[in-house]
PDB file of N, CA and C in Angstrom:
ATOM      1  N   MET A   1     -22.696 -22.403  -1.684  1.00  0.00           N
ATOM      2  CA  MET A   1     -21.406 -22.610  -2.346  1.00  0.00           C
ATOM      3  C   MET A   1     -20.241 -21.883  -1.506  1.00  0.00           C
ATOM      4  N   LEU A   2     -19.177 -22.622  -1.337  1.00  0.00           N
ATOM      5  CA  LEU A   2     -18.028 -22.081  -0.506  1.00  0.00           C
ATOM      6  C   LEU A   2     -17.264 -21.187  -1.490  1.00  0.00           C
ATOM      7  N   THR A   3     -16.685 -20.092  -0.948  1.00  0.00           N
ATOM      8  CA  THR A   3     -15.938 -19.219  -1.921  1.00  0.00           C
ATOM      9  C   THR A   3     -14.497 -18.922  -1.328  1.00  0.00           C
ATOM     10  N   GLU A   4     -14.240 -18.985  -0.060  1.00  0.00           N
ATOM     11  CA  GLU A   4     -12.921 -18.773   0.493  1.00  0.00           C
ATOM     12  C   GLU A   4     -12.801 -19.270   1.928  1.00  0.00           C
ATOM     13  N   VAL A   5     -11.652 -19.324   2.475  1.00  0.00           N
ATOM     14  CA  VAL A   5     -11.446 -19.666   3.838  1.00  0.00           C
ATOM     15  C   VAL A   5     -10.461 -18.587   4.359  1.00  0.00           C
ATOM     16  N   ASN A   6     -10.783 -18.149   5.611  1.00  0.00           N
ATOM     17  CA  ASN A   6      -9.842 -17.269   6.350  1.00  0.00           C
ATOM     18  C   ASN A   6      -9.550 -17.845   7.642  1.00  0.00           C
ATOM     19  N   PRO A   7      -8.344 -18.438   7.814  1.00  0.00           N
ATOM     20  CA  PRO A   7      -8.093 -19.102   9.095  1.00  0.00           C
ATOM     21  C   PRO A   7      -7.932 -18.110  10.167  1.00  0.00           C
ATOM     22  N   LYS A   8      -8.176 -18.586  11.380  1.00  0.00           N
ATOM     23  CA  LYS A   8      -8.074 -17.880  12.578  1.00  0.00           C
ATOM     24  C   LYS A   8      -7.052 -18.512  13.472  1.00  0.00           C
ATOM     25  N   LEU A   9      -5.950 -17.763  13.786  1.00  0.00           N
ATOM     26  CA  LEU A   9      -4.834 -18.312  14.581  1.00  0.00           C
ATOM     27  C   LEU A   9      -4.778 -17.563  15.936  1.00  0.00           C
ATOM     28  N   PRO A  10      -4.189 -18.182  16.861  1.00  0.00           N
ATOM     29  CA  PRO A  10      -4.016 -17.452  18.197  1.00  0.00           C
ATOM     30  C   PRO A  10      -2.837 -16.518  18.169  1.00  0.00           C
ATOM     31  N   MET A  11      -3.049 -15.391  19.032  1.00  0.00           N
ATOM     32  CA  MET A  11      -1.914 -14.421  19.128  1.00  0.00           C
ATOM     33  C   MET A  11      -1.790 -14.098  20.573  1.00  0.00           C
ATOM     34  N   ARG A  12      -0.603 -13.819  20.990  1.00  0.00           N
ATOM     35  CA  ARG A  12      -0.394 -13.500  22.432  1.00  0.00           C
ATOM     36  C   ARG A  12      -0.406 -11.881  22.527  1.00  0.00           C
ATOM     37  N   ASP A  13      -0.046 -11.256  21.524  1.00  0.00           N
ATOM     38  CA  ASP A  13       0.096  -9.717  21.646  1.00  0.00           C
ATOM     39  C   ASP A  13      -0.213  -9.216  20.230  1.00  0.00           C
ATOM     40  N   LYS A  14      -1.195  -8.414  20.138  1.00  0.00           N
ATOM     41  CA  LYS A  14      -1.692  -7.870  18.839  1.00  0.00           C
ATOM     42  C   LYS A  14      -0.624  -6.977  18.272  1.00  0.00           C
ATOM     43  N   THR A  15       0.010  -6.168  18.951  1.00  0.00           N
ATOM     44  CA  THR A  15       1.028  -5.229  18.381  1.00  0.00           C
ATOM     45  C   THR A  15       2.144  -5.950  17.818  1.00  0.00           C
ATOM     46  N   ILE A  16       2.689  -6.967  18.506  1.00  0.00           N
ATOM     47  CA  ILE A  16       3.788  -7.714  17.994  1.00  0.00           C
ATOM     48  C   ILE A  16       3.312  -8.565  16.737  1.00  0.00           C
ATOM     49  N   THR A  17       2.177  -9.143  16.882  1.00  0.00           N
ATOM     50  CA  THR A  17       1.721  -9.961  15.634  1.00  0.00           C
ATOM     51  C   THR A  17       1.417  -9.048  14.512  1.00  0.00           C
ATOM     52  N   ARG A  18       0.809  -7.820  14.735  1.00  0.00           N
ATOM     53  CA  ARG A  18       0.514  -6.945  13.592  1.00  0.00           C
ATOM     54  C   ARG A  18       1.984  -6.604  12.935  1.00  0.00           C
ATOM     55  N   ASN A  19       2.878  -6.151  13.765  1.00  0.00           N
ATOM     56  CA  ASN A  19       4.239  -5.812  13.312  1.00  0.00           C
ATOM     57  C   ASN A  19       4.849  -6.896  12.501  1.00  0.00           C
ATOM     58  N   PHE A  20       4.807  -8.115  12.874  1.00  0.00           N
ATOM     59  CA  PHE A  20       5.427  -9.107  12.207  1.00  0.00           C
ATOM     60  C   PHE A  20       4.844  -9.343  10.816  1.00  0.00           C
ATOM     61  N   TYR A  21       3.497  -9.447  10.707  1.00  0.00           N
ATOM     62  CA  TYR A  21       2.803  -9.678   9.347  1.00  0.00           C
ATOM     63  C   TYR A  21       2.912  -8.467   8.514  1.00  0.00           C
ATOM     64  N   VAL A  22       2.743  -7.252   9.098  1.00  0.00           N
ATOM     65  CA  VAL A  22       2.742  -6.007   8.260  1.00  0.00           C
ATOM     66  C   VAL A  22       4.147  -5.554   7.849  1.00  0.00           C
ATOM     67  N   ASN A  23       4.993  -5.459   8.794  1.00  0.00           N
ATOM     68  CA  ASN A  23       6.348  -4.899   8.569  1.00  0.00           C
ATOM     69  C   ASN A  23       7.384  -5.828   8.151  1.00  0.00           C
ATOM     70  N   ARG A  24       7.177  -7.102   8.413  1.00  0.00           N
ATOM     71  CA  ARG A  24       8.131  -8.082   7.989  1.00  0.00           C
ATOM     72  C   ARG A  24       7.720  -9.027   6.806  1.00  0.00           C
ATOM     73  N   LEU A  25       6.390  -9.315   6.698  1.00  0.00           N
ATOM     74  CA  LEU A  25       6.048 -10.176   5.610  1.00  0.00           C
ATOM     75  C   LEU A  25       5.209  -9.385   4.568  1.00  0.00           C
ATOM     76  N   GLY A  26       4.925  -8.167   4.739  1.00  0.00           N
ATOM     77  CA  GLY A  26       4.302  -7.334   3.717  1.00  0.00           C
ATOM     78  C   GLY A  26       2.717  -7.464   3.672  1.00  0.00           C
ATOM     79  N   PHE A  27       2.076  -7.900   4.748  1.00  0.00           N
ATOM     80  CA  PHE A  27       0.696  -7.880   4.765  1.00  0.00           C
ATOM     81  C   PHE A  27       0.142  -6.509   5.170  1.00  0.00           C
ATOM     82  N   THR A  28      -1.155  -6.373   4.914  1.00  0.00           N
ATOM     83  CA  THR A  28      -1.855  -5.116   5.325  1.00  0.00           C
ATOM     84  C   THR A  28      -2.860  -5.376   6.360  1.00  0.00           C
ATOM     85  N   ASP A  29      -2.960  -4.490   7.403  1.00  0.00           N
ATOM     86  CA  ASP A  29      -3.972  -4.573   8.441  1.00  0.00           C
ATOM     87  C   ASP A  29      -5.251  -4.126   7.706  1.00  0.00           C
ATOM     88  N   ILE A  30      -6.212  -5.116   7.712  1.00  0.00           N
ATOM     89  CA  ILE A  30      -7.509  -4.720   7.066  1.00  0.00           C
ATOM     90  C   ILE A  30      -8.643  -4.518   8.031  1.00  0.00           C
ATOM     91  N   GLY A  31      -8.370  -4.477   9.273  1.00  0.00           N
ATOM     92  CA  GLY A  31      -9.512  -4.357  10.292  1.00  0.00           C
ATOM     93  C   GLY A  31     -10.053  -2.959  10.114  1.00  0.00           C
ATOM     94  N   SER A  32     -11.421  -2.885  10.047  1.00  0.00           N
ATOM     95  CA  SER A  32     -12.101  -1.613   9.921  1.00  0.00           C
ATOM     96  C   SER A  32     -12.201  -0.946  11.265  1.00  0.00           C
ATOM     97  N   ALA A  33     -12.069  -1.714  12.360  1.00  0.00           N
ATOM     98  CA  ALA A  33     -12.137  -1.161  13.681  1.00  0.00           C
ATOM     99  C   ALA A  33     -10.969  -1.703  14.509  1.00  0.00           C
ATOM    100  N   ASP A  34     -10.407  -1.011  15.476  1.00  0.00           N
ATOM    101  CA  ASP A  34      -9.328  -1.507  16.184  1.00  0.00           C
ATOM    102  C   ASP A  34      -9.824  -2.260  17.450  1.00  0.00           C
ATOM    103  N   PHE A  35     -10.150  -3.524  17.408  1.00  0.00           N
ATOM    104  CA  PHE A  35     -10.517  -4.362  18.413  1.00  0.00           C
ATOM    105  C   PHE A  35      -9.286  -4.915  19.101  1.00  0.00           C
ATOM    106  N   LYS A  36      -9.279  -4.775  20.423  1.00  0.00           N
ATOM    107  CA  LYS A  36      -8.055  -5.258  21.168  1.00  0.00           C
ATOM    108  C   LYS A  36      -7.835  -6.721  20.994  1.00  0.00           C
ATOM    109  N   ASP A  37      -8.874  -7.532  20.841  1.00  0.00           N
ATOM    110  CA  ASP A  37      -8.757  -9.014  20.883  1.00  0.00           C
ATOM    111  C   ASP A  37      -8.772  -9.583  19.438  1.00  0.00           C
ATOM    112  N   TYR A  38      -8.705  -8.819  18.397  1.00  0.00           N
ATOM    113  CA  TYR A  38      -8.822  -9.378  17.091  1.00  0.00           C
ATOM    114  C   TYR A  38      -7.981  -8.613  16.080  1.00  0.00           C
ATOM    115  N   LEU A  39      -7.469  -9.328  15.068  1.00  0.00           N
ATOM    116  CA  LEU A  39      -6.513  -8.787  14.025  1.00  0.00           C
ATOM    117  C   LEU A  39      -6.852  -9.461  12.777  1.00  0.00           C
ATOM    118  N   MET A  40      -6.900  -8.744  11.634  1.00  0.00           N
ATOM    119  CA  MET A  40      -7.119  -9.273  10.279  1.00  0.00           C
ATOM    120  C   MET A  40      -6.032  -8.626   9.336  1.00  0.00           C
ATOM    121  N   VAL A  41      -5.312  -9.492   8.694  1.00  0.00           N
ATOM    122  CA  VAL A  41      -4.340  -9.077   7.778  1.00  0.00           C
ATOM    123  C   VAL A  41      -4.570  -9.774   6.384  1.00  0.00           C
ATOM    124  N   LYS A  42      -4.088  -9.069   5.427  1.00  0.00           N
ATOM    125  CA  LYS A  42      -4.134  -9.615   3.988  1.00  0.00           C
ATOM    126  C   LYS A  42      -2.989  -9.290   3.220  1.00  0.00           C
ATOM    127  N   LYS A  43      -2.609 -10.197   2.318  1.00  0.00           N
ATOM    128  CA  LYS A  43      -1.574  -9.965   1.330  1.00  0.00           C
ATOM    129  C   LYS A  43      -2.082 -10.731   0.087  1.00  0.00           C
ATOM    130  N   ASP A  44      -2.258  -9.926  -1.068  1.00  0.00           N
ATOM    131  CA  ASP A  44      -2.727 -10.504  -2.307  1.00  0.00           C
ATOM    132  C   ASP A  44      -3.994 -11.127  -2.018  1.00  0.00           C
ATOM    133  N   GLN A  45      -4.231 -12.358  -2.256  1.00  0.00           N
ATOM    134  CA  GLN A  45      -5.512 -13.108  -2.033  1.00  0.00           C
ATOM    135  C   GLN A  45      -5.625 -13.785  -0.681  1.00  0.00           C
ATOM    136  N   VAL A  46      -4.634 -13.676   0.207  1.00  0.00           N
ATOM    137  CA  VAL A  46      -4.546 -14.370   1.422  1.00  0.00           C
ATOM    138  C   VAL A  46      -4.947 -13.570   2.554  1.00  0.00           C
ATOM    139  N   GLN A  47      -5.995 -14.013   3.279  1.00  0.00           N
ATOM    140  CA  GLN A  47      -6.317 -13.232   4.494  1.00  0.00           C
ATOM    141  C   GLN A  47      -6.191 -14.184   5.760  1.00  0.00           C
ATOM    142  N   ILE A  48      -5.659 -13.576   6.678  1.00  0.00           N
ATOM    143  CA  ILE A  48      -5.470 -14.396   7.944  1.00  0.00           C
ATOM    144  C   ILE A  48      -6.101 -13.655   9.193  1.00  0.00           C
ATOM    145  N   HIS A  49      -6.852 -14.219  10.054  1.00  0.00           N
ATOM    146  CA  HIS A  49      -7.427 -13.587  11.220  1.00  0.00           C
ATOM    147  C   HIS A  49      -6.714 -14.124  12.419  1.00  0.00           C
ATOM    148  N   PHE A  50      -6.633 -13.356  13.486  1.00  0.00           N
ATOM    149  CA  PHE A  50      -6.031 -13.724  14.722  1.00  0.00           C
ATOM    150  C   PHE A  50      -6.958 -13.382  15.881  1.00  0.00           C
ATOM    151  N   PHE A  51      -7.005 -14.179  16.948  1.00  0.00           N
ATOM    152  CA  PHE A  51      -7.786 -13.892  18.122  1.00  0.00           C
ATOM    153  C   PHE A  51      -6.748 -13.906  19.260  1.00  0.00           C
ATOM    154  N   LEU A  52      -7.048 -12.992  20.239  1.00  0.00           N
ATOM    155  CA  LEU A  52      -6.156 -12.766  21.397  1.00  0.00           C
ATOM    156  C   LEU A  52      -6.306 -14.064  22.313  1.00  0.00           C
ATOM    157  N   PHE A  53      -5.020 -14.627  22.630  1.00  0.00           N
ATOM    158  CA  PHE A  53      -4.926 -15.675  23.530  1.00  0.00           C
ATOM    159  C   PHE A  53      -3.629 -15.471  24.385  1.00  0.00           C
ATOM    160  N   GLU A  54      -3.710 -14.520  25.385  1.00  0.00           N
ATOM    161  CA  GLU A  54      -2.618 -14.110  26.092  1.00  0.00           C
ATOM    162  C   GLU A  54      -1.923 -15.287  26.824  1.00  0.00           C
ATOM    163  N   ALA A  55      -2.684 -16.250  27.250  1.00  0.00           N
ATOM    164  CA  ALA A  55      -2.049 -17.417  27.959  1.00  0.00           C
ATOM    165  C   ALA A  55      -1.435 -18.478  27.091  1.00  0.00           C
ATOM    166  N   LEU A  56      -1.457 -18.266  25.779  1.00  0.00           N
ATOM    167  CA  LEU A  56      -0.821 -19.221  24.834  1.00  0.00           C
ATOM    168  C   LEU A  56       0.640 -19.495  25.177  1.00  0.00           C
ATOM    169  N   ASP A  57       0.935 -20.724  25.389  1.00  0.00           N
ATOM    170  CA  ASP A  57       2.364 -21.244  25.620  1.00  0.00           C
ATOM    171  C   ASP A  57       2.793 -21.609  24.125  1.00  0.00           C
ATOM    172  N   PRO A  58       3.795 -20.861  23.695  1.00  0.00           N
ATOM    173  CA  PRO A  58       4.261 -21.030  22.333  1.00  0.00           C
ATOM    174  C   PRO A  58       4.824 -22.530  22.127  1.00  0.00           C
ATOM    175  N   LYS A  59       5.197 -23.182  23.160  1.00  0.00           N
ATOM    176  CA  LYS A  59       5.756 -24.585  23.003  1.00  0.00           C
ATOM    177  C   LYS A  59       4.501 -25.524  22.835  1.00  0.00           C
ATOM    178  N   GLU A  60       3.339 -25.034  23.095  1.00  0.00           N
ATOM    179  CA  GLU A  60       2.182 -25.914  22.927  1.00  0.00           C
ATOM    180  C   GLU A  60       1.194 -25.451  21.881  1.00  0.00           C
ATOM    181  N   ASN A  61       1.709 -24.554  21.027  1.00  0.00           N
ATOM    182  CA  ASN A  61       0.869 -24.050  19.952  1.00  0.00           C
ATOM    183  C   ASN A  61       1.158 -24.866  18.689  1.00  0.00           C
ATOM    184  N   TYR A  62       0.099 -25.444  18.150  1.00  0.00           N
ATOM    185  CA  TYR A  62       0.207 -26.252  16.977  1.00  0.00           C
ATOM    186  C   TYR A  62      -0.494 -25.634  15.756  1.00  0.00           C
ATOM    187  N   GLY A  63      -0.642 -24.286  15.849  1.00  0.00           N
ATOM    188  CA  GLY A  63      -1.266 -23.593  14.697  1.00  0.00           C
ATOM    189  C   GLY A  63      -0.356 -23.631  13.434  1.00  0.00           C
ATOM    190  N   GLN A  64      -1.087 -23.950  12.318  1.00  0.00           N
ATOM    191  CA  GLN A  64      -0.192 -24.068  11.115  1.00  0.00           C
ATOM    192  C   GLN A  64      -1.075 -23.573   9.920  1.00  0.00           C
ATOM    193  N   LEU A  65      -0.382 -22.935   8.942  1.00  0.00           N
ATOM    194  CA  LEU A  65      -0.992 -22.502   7.682  1.00  0.00           C
ATOM    195  C   LEU A  65      -0.061 -22.994   6.495  1.00  0.00           C
ATOM    196  N   TYR A  66      -0.762 -23.371   5.454  1.00  0.00           N
ATOM    197  CA  TYR A  66      -0.045 -23.669   4.199  1.00  0.00           C
ATOM    198  C   TYR A  66      -0.469 -22.631   3.230  1.00  0.00           C
ATOM    199  N   ILE A  67       0.459 -21.743   2.777  1.00  0.00           N
ATOM    200  CA  ILE A  67       0.027 -20.686   1.882  1.00  0.00           C
ATOM    201  C   ILE A  67       0.631 -20.879   0.582  1.00  0.00           C
ATOM    202  N   ARG A  68      -0.117 -21.065  -0.464  1.00  0.00           N
ATOM    203  CA  ARG A  68       0.438 -21.174  -1.821  1.00  0.00           C
ATOM    204  C   ARG A  68       0.850 -19.877  -2.417  1.00  0.00           C
ATOM    205  N   THR A  69       1.790 -19.939  -3.286  1.00  0.00           N
ATOM    206  CA  THR A  69       2.316 -18.876  -3.998  1.00  0.00           C
ATOM    207  C   THR A  69       2.661 -19.223  -5.481  1.00  0.00           C
ATOM    208  N   ASP A  70       2.725 -18.130  -6.343  1.00  0.00           N
ATOM    209  CA  ASP A  70       3.177 -18.452  -7.707  1.00  0.00           C
ATOM    210  C   ASP A  70       4.527 -17.815  -7.921  1.00  0.00           C
ATOM    211  N   ASP A  71       5.296 -17.480  -6.931  1.00  0.00           N
ATOM    212  CA  ASP A  71       6.676 -17.006  -6.983  1.00  0.00           C
ATOM    213  C   ASP A  71       7.379 -17.328  -5.774  1.00  0.00           C
ATOM    214  N   ILE A  72       7.544 -18.707  -5.423  1.00  0.00           N
ATOM    215  CA  ILE A  72       8.175 -19.128  -4.266  1.00  0.00           C
ATOM    216  C   ILE A  72       9.591 -18.569  -4.114  1.00  0.00           C
ATOM    217  N   ASP A  73      10.328 -18.605  -5.299  1.00  0.00           N
ATOM    218  CA  ASP A  73      11.748 -18.195  -5.279  1.00  0.00           C
ATOM    219  C   ASP A  73      11.936 -16.732  -4.952  1.00  0.00           C
ATOM    220  N   GLY A  74      11.109 -15.914  -5.563  1.00  0.00           N
ATOM    221  CA  GLY A  74      11.150 -14.478  -5.282  1.00  0.00           C
ATOM    222  C   GLY A  74      10.679 -14.083  -3.887  1.00  0.00           C
ATOM    223  N   TYR A  75       9.652 -14.727  -3.402  1.00  0.00           N
ATOM    224  CA  TYR A  75       9.287 -14.364  -2.034  1.00  0.00           C
ATOM    225  C   TYR A  75      10.279 -14.887  -0.953  1.00  0.00           C
ATOM    226  N   TYR A  76      10.825 -15.958  -1.223  1.00  0.00           N
ATOM    227  CA  TYR A  76      11.816 -16.593  -0.328  1.00  0.00           C
ATOM    228  C   TYR A  76      13.019 -15.568  -0.369  1.00  0.00           C
ATOM    229  N   GLN A  77      13.513 -15.127  -1.505  1.00  0.00           N
ATOM    230  CA  GLN A  77      14.670 -14.353  -1.585  1.00  0.00           C
ATOM    231  C   GLN A  77      14.360 -12.927  -0.893  1.00  0.00           C
ATOM    232  N   SER A  78      13.214 -12.442  -1.065  1.00  0.00           N
ATOM    233  CA  SER A  78      12.756 -11.169  -0.470  1.00  0.00           C
ATOM    234  C   SER A  78      12.906 -11.218   1.072  1.00  0.00           C
ATOM    235  N   LEU A  79      12.443 -12.380   1.640  1.00  0.00           N
ATOM    236  CA  LEU A  79      12.538 -12.560   3.111  1.00  0.00           C
ATOM    237  C   LEU A  79      14.063 -12.731   3.540  1.00  0.00           C
ATOM    238  N   LEU A  80      14.863 -13.373   2.704  1.00  0.00           N
ATOM    239  CA  LEU A  80      16.286 -13.496   2.987  1.00  0.00           C
ATOM    240  C   LEU A  80      16.981 -12.121   2.942  1.00  0.00           C
ATOM    241  N   ASP A  81      16.605 -11.340   1.898  1.00  0.00           N
ATOM    242  CA  ASP A  81      17.131 -10.035   1.692  1.00  0.00           C
ATOM    243  C   ASP A  81      16.818  -9.119   2.901  1.00  0.00           C
ATOM    244  N   THR A  82      15.703  -9.231   3.541  1.00  0.00           N
ATOM    245  CA  THR A  82      15.274  -8.482   4.669  1.00  0.00           C
ATOM    246  C   THR A  82      15.598  -9.126   6.007  1.00  0.00           C
ATOM    247  N   ARG A  83      16.357 -10.245   5.908  1.00  0.00           N
ATOM    248  CA  ARG A  83      16.849 -10.890   7.106  1.00  0.00           C
ATOM    249  C   ARG A  83      15.784 -11.392   7.998  1.00  0.00           C
ATOM    250  N   GLN A  84      14.707 -12.065   7.381  1.00  0.00           N
ATOM    251  CA  GLN A  84      13.748 -12.644   8.084  1.00  0.00           C
ATOM    252  C   GLN A  84      14.128 -13.976   8.462  1.00  0.00           C
ATOM    253  N   GLU A  85      13.691 -14.526   9.731  1.00  0.00           N
ATOM    254  CA  GLU A  85      14.140 -15.749  10.158  1.00  0.00           C
ATOM    255  C   GLU A  85      13.381 -16.892   9.583  1.00  0.00           C
ATOM    256  N   ILE A  86      13.985 -17.765   8.838  1.00  0.00           N
ATOM    257  CA  ILE A  86      13.412 -19.032   8.179  1.00  0.00           C
ATOM    258  C   ILE A  86      13.565 -20.099   9.302  1.00  0.00           C
ATOM    259  N   HIS A  87      12.551 -20.921   9.412  1.00  0.00           N
ATOM    260  CA  HIS A  87      12.473 -21.987  10.385  1.00  0.00           C
ATOM    261  C   HIS A  87      13.788 -22.905  10.125  1.00  0.00           C
ATOM    262  N   PRO A  88      14.532 -23.265  11.202  1.00  0.00           N
ATOM    263  CA  PRO A  88      15.782 -24.018  10.992  1.00  0.00           C
ATOM    264  C   PRO A  88      15.610 -25.279  10.196  1.00  0.00           C
ATOM    265  N   ASP A  89      14.455 -25.926  10.230  1.00  0.00           N
ATOM    266  CA  ASP A  89      14.202 -27.148   9.368  1.00  0.00           C
ATOM    267  C   ASP A  89      13.389 -26.768   8.125  1.00  0.00           C
ATOM    268  N   GLY A  90      13.285 -25.512   7.848  1.00  0.00           N
ATOM    269  CA  GLY A  90      12.289 -25.101   6.755  1.00  0.00           C
ATOM    270  C   GLY A  90      12.901 -24.256   5.609  1.00  0.00           C
ATOM    271  N   SER A  91      14.203 -24.467   5.268  1.00  0.00           N
ATOM    272  CA  SER A  91      14.785 -23.759   4.148  1.00  0.00           C
ATOM    273  C   SER A  91      14.068 -24.104   2.821  1.00  0.00           C
ATOM    274  N   LEU A  92      14.213 -23.395   1.869  1.00  0.00           N
ATOM    275  CA  LEU A  92      13.547 -23.692   0.557  1.00  0.00           C
ATOM    276  C   LEU A  92      14.041 -25.028   0.054  1.00  0.00           C
ATOM    277  N   GLN A  93      13.071 -25.944  -0.209  1.00  0.00           N
ATOM    278  CA  GLN A  93      13.359 -27.247  -0.747  1.00  0.00           C
ATOM    279  C   GLN A  93      12.296 -27.692  -1.747  1.00  0.00           C
ATOM    280  N   THR A  94      12.727 -28.557  -2.606  1.00  0.00           N
ATOM    281  CA  THR A  94      11.806 -29.221  -3.443  1.00  0.00           C
ATOM    282  C   THR A  94      11.444 -30.562  -2.756  1.00  0.00           C
ATOM    283  N   LYS A  95      10.179 -30.773  -2.574  1.00  0.00           N
ATOM    284  CA  LYS A  95       9.591 -31.993  -1.836  1.00  0.00           C
ATOM    285  C   LYS A  95       9.201 -33.042  -2.751  1.00  0.00           C
ATOM    286  N   PRO A  96       9.269 -34.272  -2.331  1.00  0.00           N
ATOM    287  CA  PRO A  96       8.860 -35.467  -3.227  1.00  0.00           C
ATOM    288  C   PRO A  96       7.378 -35.433  -3.617  1.00  0.00           C
ATOM    289  N   TRP A  97       6.607 -34.649  -2.988  1.00  0.00           N
ATOM    290  CA  TRP A  97       5.228 -34.558  -3.346  1.00  0.00           C
ATOM    291  C   TRP A  97       4.882 -33.470  -4.374  1.00  0.00           C
ATOM    292  N   GLY A  98       5.992 -32.953  -5.037  1.00  0.00           N
ATOM    293  CA  GLY A  98       5.770 -31.987  -6.105  1.00  0.00           C
ATOM    294  C   GLY A  98       5.625 -30.578  -5.726  1.00  0.00           C
ATOM    295  N   GLN A  99       6.094 -30.170  -4.515  1.00  0.00           N
ATOM    296  CA  GLN A  99       5.915 -28.802  -4.033  1.00  0.00           C
ATOM    297  C   GLN A  99       7.397 -28.339  -3.787  1.00  0.00           C
ATOM    298  N   LYS A 100       7.561 -27.106  -3.963  1.00  0.00           N
ATOM    299  CA  LYS A 100       8.760 -26.280  -3.542  1.00  0.00           C
ATOM    300  C   LYS A 100       8.305 -25.541  -2.352  1.00  0.00           C
ATOM    301  N   GLU A 101       8.906 -25.706  -1.138  1.00  0.00           N
ATOM    302  CA  GLU A 101       8.331 -25.039   0.111  1.00  0.00           C
ATOM    303  C   GLU A 101       9.438 -24.514   0.981  1.00  0.00           C
ATOM    304  N   PHE A 102       9.059 -23.622   1.818  1.00  0.00           N
ATOM    305  CA  PHE A 102       9.844 -23.197   3.026  1.00  0.00           C
ATOM    306  C   PHE A 102       8.952 -22.831   4.086  1.00  0.00           C
ATOM    307  N   SER A 103       9.418 -22.740   5.289  1.00  0.00           N
ATOM    308  CA  SER A 103       8.646 -22.497   6.508  1.00  0.00           C
ATOM    309  C   SER A 103       9.282 -21.517   7.381  1.00  0.00           C
ATOM    310  N   MET A 104       8.487 -20.917   8.295  1.00  0.00           N
ATOM    311  CA  MET A 104       8.887 -19.917   9.287  1.00  0.00           C
ATOM    312  C   MET A 104       7.861 -19.936  10.397  1.00  0.00           C
ATOM    313  N   LEU A 105       8.261 -19.469  11.596  1.00  0.00           N
ATOM    314  CA  LEU A 105       7.393 -19.405  12.650  1.00  0.00           C
ATOM    315  C   LEU A 105       7.021 -17.890  12.904  1.00  0.00           C
ATOM    316  N   ASP A 106       5.783 -17.570  13.267  1.00  0.00           N
ATOM    317  CA  ASP A 106       5.404 -16.232  13.575  1.00  0.00           C
ATOM    318  C   ASP A 106       5.695 -16.112  15.094  1.00  0.00           C
ATOM    319  N   PRO A 107       5.538 -14.779  15.651  1.00  0.00           N
ATOM    320  CA  PRO A 107       5.806 -14.598  17.052  1.00  0.00           C
ATOM    321  C   PRO A 107       5.050 -15.505  18.048  1.00  0.00           C
ATOM    322  N   ASN A 108       4.037 -16.063  17.610  1.00  0.00           N
ATOM    323  CA  ASN A 108       3.101 -16.896  18.465  1.00  0.00           C
ATOM    324  C   ASN A 108       3.448 -18.414  18.311  1.00  0.00           C
ATOM    325  N   SER A 109       4.384 -18.726  17.489  1.00  0.00           N
ATOM    326  CA  SER A 109       4.714 -20.108  17.167  1.00  0.00           C
ATOM    327  C   SER A 109       3.814 -20.759  16.261  1.00  0.00           C
ATOM    328  N   ASN A 110       3.020 -19.958  15.444  1.00  0.00           N
ATOM    329  CA  ASN A 110       2.217 -20.525  14.435  1.00  0.00           C
ATOM    330  C   ASN A 110       3.136 -20.916  13.217  1.00  0.00           C
ATOM    331  N   LEU A 111       3.120 -21.987  12.725  1.00  0.00           N
ATOM    332  CA  LEU A 111       3.987 -22.433  11.541  1.00  0.00           C
ATOM    333  C   LEU A 111       3.365 -21.939  10.234  1.00  0.00           C
ATOM    334  N   LEU A 112       4.211 -21.231   9.550  1.00  0.00           N
ATOM    335  CA  LEU A 112       3.686 -20.769   8.166  1.00  0.00           C
ATOM    336  C   LEU A 112       4.556 -21.539   7.105  1.00  0.00           C
ATOM    337  N   THR A 113       3.936 -22.286   6.299  1.00  0.00           N
ATOM    338  CA  THR A 113       4.638 -22.926   5.247  1.00  0.00           C
ATOM    339  C   THR A 113       4.136 -22.321   3.955  1.00  0.00           C
ATOM    340  N   PHE A 114       5.066 -21.915   3.093  1.00  0.00           N
ATOM    341  CA  PHE A 114       4.801 -21.274   1.804  1.00  0.00           C
ATOM    342  C   PHE A 114       5.181 -22.333   0.766  1.00  0.00           C
ATOM    343  N   GLY A 115       4.286 -22.571  -0.183  1.00  0.00           N
ATOM    344  CA  GLY A 115       4.626 -23.585  -1.214  1.00  0.00           C
ATOM    345  C   GLY A 115       4.127 -23.190  -2.679  1.00  0.00           C
ATOM    346  N   GLN A 116       4.819 -23.841  -3.520  1.00  0.00           N
ATOM    347  CA  GLN A 116       4.434 -23.687  -5.004  1.00  0.00           C
ATOM    348  C   GLN A 116       4.505 -25.020  -5.630  1.00  0.00           C
ATOM    349  N   ALA A 117       3.519 -25.407  -6.486  1.00  0.00           N
ATOM    350  CA  ALA A 117       3.619 -26.649  -7.128  1.00  0.00           C
ATOM    351  C   ALA A 117       4.626 -26.498  -8.225  1.00  0.00           C
ATOM    352  N   ILE A 118       5.411 -27.619  -8.468  1.00  0.00           N
ATOM    353  CA  ILE A 118       6.472 -27.620  -9.509  1.00  0.00           C
ATOM    354  C   ILE A 118       5.966 -28.659 -10.570  1.00  0.00           C
ATOM    355  N   TYR A 119       6.193 -28.410 -11.771  1.00  0.00           N
ATOM    356  CA  TYR A 119       5.704 -29.254 -12.880  1.00  0.00           C
ATOM    357  C   TYR A 119       6.810 -29.859 -13.572  1.00  0.00           C
TER     358      TYR A 119
END
């Protein structure tokens, strides 16, 4: 039986990636050992893993995550309040497929889309 999924995304620099997720998005570094080539972060029930890919060309990175939330307005506002950069085409919007969403890029050009179902 499947119980959860923990996506693995590429990162060019562990320190920069950790700083973005921990200090800017409020995740916690959950790695029990400091491996140079691997990072694990968690916020609430969401866990994301990263593997080192120093040669990654950000213009050729198609890594994407869709992260569900139950407080899209509050999380979006908290990011605006701390001056986090929202994707130019990803401001908070209600989509025709019944989701309220916004997007941002991490330092590795992984696209993070946050969404909440609207009823």
